């Protein structure tokens, strides 16, 4: 295996890892049961304690 083939393989795997990570983060952020947690976290900076 020469360096060009190795780099091509590395680019493919890194693209897959980044794509899957993006999909997982997007799914987590848009999951309906977590909306109340995100709403509470969004209001946290505006609270005056």
N, C-alpha and C. Protein backbone atom coordinates (compact mmCIF):
# COMPACT_ATOMS: atom_id res chain seq x y z
N UNK A 1 0.86 -1.18 0.00
CA UNK A 1 0.00 0.00 0.00
C UNK A 1 0.90 1.24 0.00
N UNK A 2 0.73 2.08 -0.97
CA UNK A 2 1.52 3.30 -1.03
C UNK A 2 0.80 4.43 -0.29
N UNK A 3 1.45 5.55 -0.19
CA UNK A 3 0.93 6.67 0.60
C UNK A 3 -0.35 7.24 0.01
N UNK A 4 -0.48 7.25 -1.31
CA UNK A 4 -1.70 7.79 -1.93
C UNK A 4 -2.91 6.94 -1.60
N UNK A 5 -2.75 5.64 -1.64
CA UNK A 5 -3.86 4.75 -1.30
C UNK A 5 -4.22 4.90 0.18
N UNK A 6 -3.21 5.01 1.03
CA UNK A 6 -3.46 5.20 2.45
C UNK A 6 -4.21 6.50 2.73
N UNK A 7 -3.81 7.58 2.09
CA UNK A 7 -4.47 8.86 2.29
C UNK A 7 -5.91 8.83 1.78
N UNK A 8 -6.14 8.18 0.67
CA UNK A 8 -7.49 8.05 0.14
C UNK A 8 -8.37 7.28 1.13
N UNK A 9 -7.85 6.21 1.70
CA UNK A 9 -8.58 5.42 2.69
C UNK A 9 -8.83 6.23 3.96
N UNK A 10 -7.85 6.99 4.40
CA UNK A 10 -7.99 7.81 5.60
C UNK A 10 -9.04 8.90 5.40
N UNK A 11 -9.06 9.50 4.23
CA UNK A 11 -10.07 10.53 3.95
C UNK A 11 -11.47 9.94 3.97
N UNK A 12 -11.62 8.75 3.42
CA UNK A 12 -12.92 8.10 3.41
C UNK A 12 -13.40 7.81 4.83
N UNK A 13 -12.53 7.24 5.65
CA UNK A 13 -12.93 6.90 7.03
C UNK A 13 -13.21 8.15 7.86
N UNK A 14 -12.41 9.19 7.67
CA UNK A 14 -12.66 10.41 8.44
C UNK A 14 -13.98 11.07 8.01
N UNK A 15 -14.30 11.01 6.73
CA UNK A 15 -15.58 11.55 6.25
C UNK A 15 -16.74 10.77 6.86
N UNK A 16 -16.63 9.47 6.92
CA UNK A 16 -17.68 8.65 7.52
C UNK A 16 -17.85 8.95 9.00
N UNK A 17 -16.75 9.09 9.72
CA UNK A 17 -16.82 9.38 11.15
C UNK A 17 -17.46 10.74 11.40
N UNK A 18 -17.07 11.74 10.65
CA UNK A 18 -17.64 13.07 10.81
C UNK A 18 -19.12 13.07 10.44
N UNK A 19 -19.49 12.40 9.37
CA UNK A 19 -20.88 12.33 8.96
C UNK A 19 -21.76 11.64 9.99
N UNK A 20 -21.30 10.51 10.51
CA UNK A 20 -22.07 9.79 11.52
C UNK A 20 -22.18 10.60 12.80
N UNK A 21 -21.09 11.27 13.20
CA UNK A 21 -21.13 12.11 14.39
C UNK A 21 -22.13 13.25 14.22
N UNK A 22 -22.14 13.88 13.04
CA UNK A 22 -23.08 14.96 12.77
C UNK A 22 -24.52 14.47 12.88
N UNK A 23 -24.80 13.31 12.30
CA UNK A 23 -26.16 12.77 12.35
C UNK A 23 -26.57 12.45 13.79
N UNK A 24 -25.65 11.90 14.57
CA UNK A 24 -25.97 11.59 15.97
C UNK A 24 -26.23 12.85 16.79
N UNK A 25 -25.43 13.88 16.60
CA UNK A 25 -25.64 15.14 17.33
C UNK A 25 -26.96 15.78 16.91
N UNK A 26 -27.26 15.78 15.64
CA UNK A 26 -28.50 16.34 15.15
C UNK A 26 -29.71 15.57 15.70
N UNK A 27 -29.62 14.27 15.74
CA UNK A 27 -30.70 13.45 16.29
C UNK A 27 -30.89 13.75 17.77
N UNK A 28 -29.80 13.87 18.52
CA UNK A 28 -29.89 14.19 19.94
C UNK A 28 -30.53 15.56 20.16
N UNK A 29 -30.14 16.53 19.36
CA UNK A 29 -30.65 17.89 19.54
C UNK A 29 -32.13 18.01 19.18
N UNK A 30 -32.60 17.18 18.27
CA UNK A 30 -33.99 17.29 17.82
C UNK A 30 -34.90 16.22 18.41
N UNK A 31 -34.40 15.42 19.36
CA UNK A 31 -35.21 14.38 19.98
C UNK A 31 -36.33 15.02 20.79
N UNK A 32 -37.60 14.68 20.53
CA UNK A 32 -38.74 15.36 21.16
C UNK A 32 -38.76 15.28 22.68
N UNK A 33 -38.35 14.18 23.27
CA UNK A 33 -38.43 14.06 24.72
C UNK A 33 -37.39 14.92 25.45
N UNK A 34 -36.39 15.43 24.75
CA UNK A 34 -35.36 16.27 25.36
C UNK A 34 -35.66 17.76 25.24
N UNK A 35 -36.77 18.12 24.63
CA UNK A 35 -37.07 19.52 24.38
C UNK A 35 -37.21 20.31 25.68
N UNK A 36 -37.83 19.73 26.70
CA UNK A 36 -38.00 20.47 27.96
C UNK A 36 -36.65 20.76 28.60
N UNK A 37 -35.71 19.83 28.50
CA UNK A 37 -34.37 20.05 29.06
C UNK A 37 -33.66 21.19 28.33
N UNK A 38 -33.81 21.24 27.01
CA UNK A 38 -33.17 22.30 26.23
C UNK A 38 -33.84 23.65 26.48
N UNK A 39 -35.16 23.65 26.64
CA UNK A 39 -35.86 24.90 26.94
C UNK A 39 -35.41 25.47 28.28
N UNK A 40 -35.25 24.60 29.28
CA UNK A 40 -34.79 25.05 30.59
C UNK A 40 -33.36 25.58 30.52
N UNK A 41 -32.52 24.91 29.77
CA UNK A 41 -31.13 25.36 29.62
C UNK A 41 -31.05 26.69 28.87
N UNK A 42 -31.96 26.92 27.94
CA UNK A 42 -31.96 28.18 27.19
C UNK A 42 -32.36 29.36 28.06
N UNK A 43 -33.19 29.12 29.07
CA UNK A 43 -33.64 30.19 29.96
C UNK A 43 -32.68 30.44 31.11
N UNK A 44 -31.73 29.56 31.32
CA UNK A 44 -30.82 29.67 32.46
C UNK A 44 -30.04 30.98 32.51
N UNK A 45 -29.48 31.49 31.42
CA UNK A 45 -28.72 32.74 31.50
C UNK A 45 -29.58 33.96 31.84
N UNK A 46 -30.88 33.88 31.61
CA UNK A 46 -31.75 35.02 31.83
C UNK A 46 -32.33 35.08 33.25
N UNK A 47 -32.10 34.01 34.03
CA UNK A 47 -32.62 34.00 35.39
C UNK A 47 -31.82 34.94 36.28
N UNK A 48 -32.53 35.62 37.15
CA UNK A 48 -31.86 36.47 38.13
C UNK A 48 -32.02 35.82 39.49
N UNK A 49 -30.92 35.34 40.02
CA UNK A 49 -30.94 34.68 41.33
C UNK A 49 -30.45 35.60 42.42
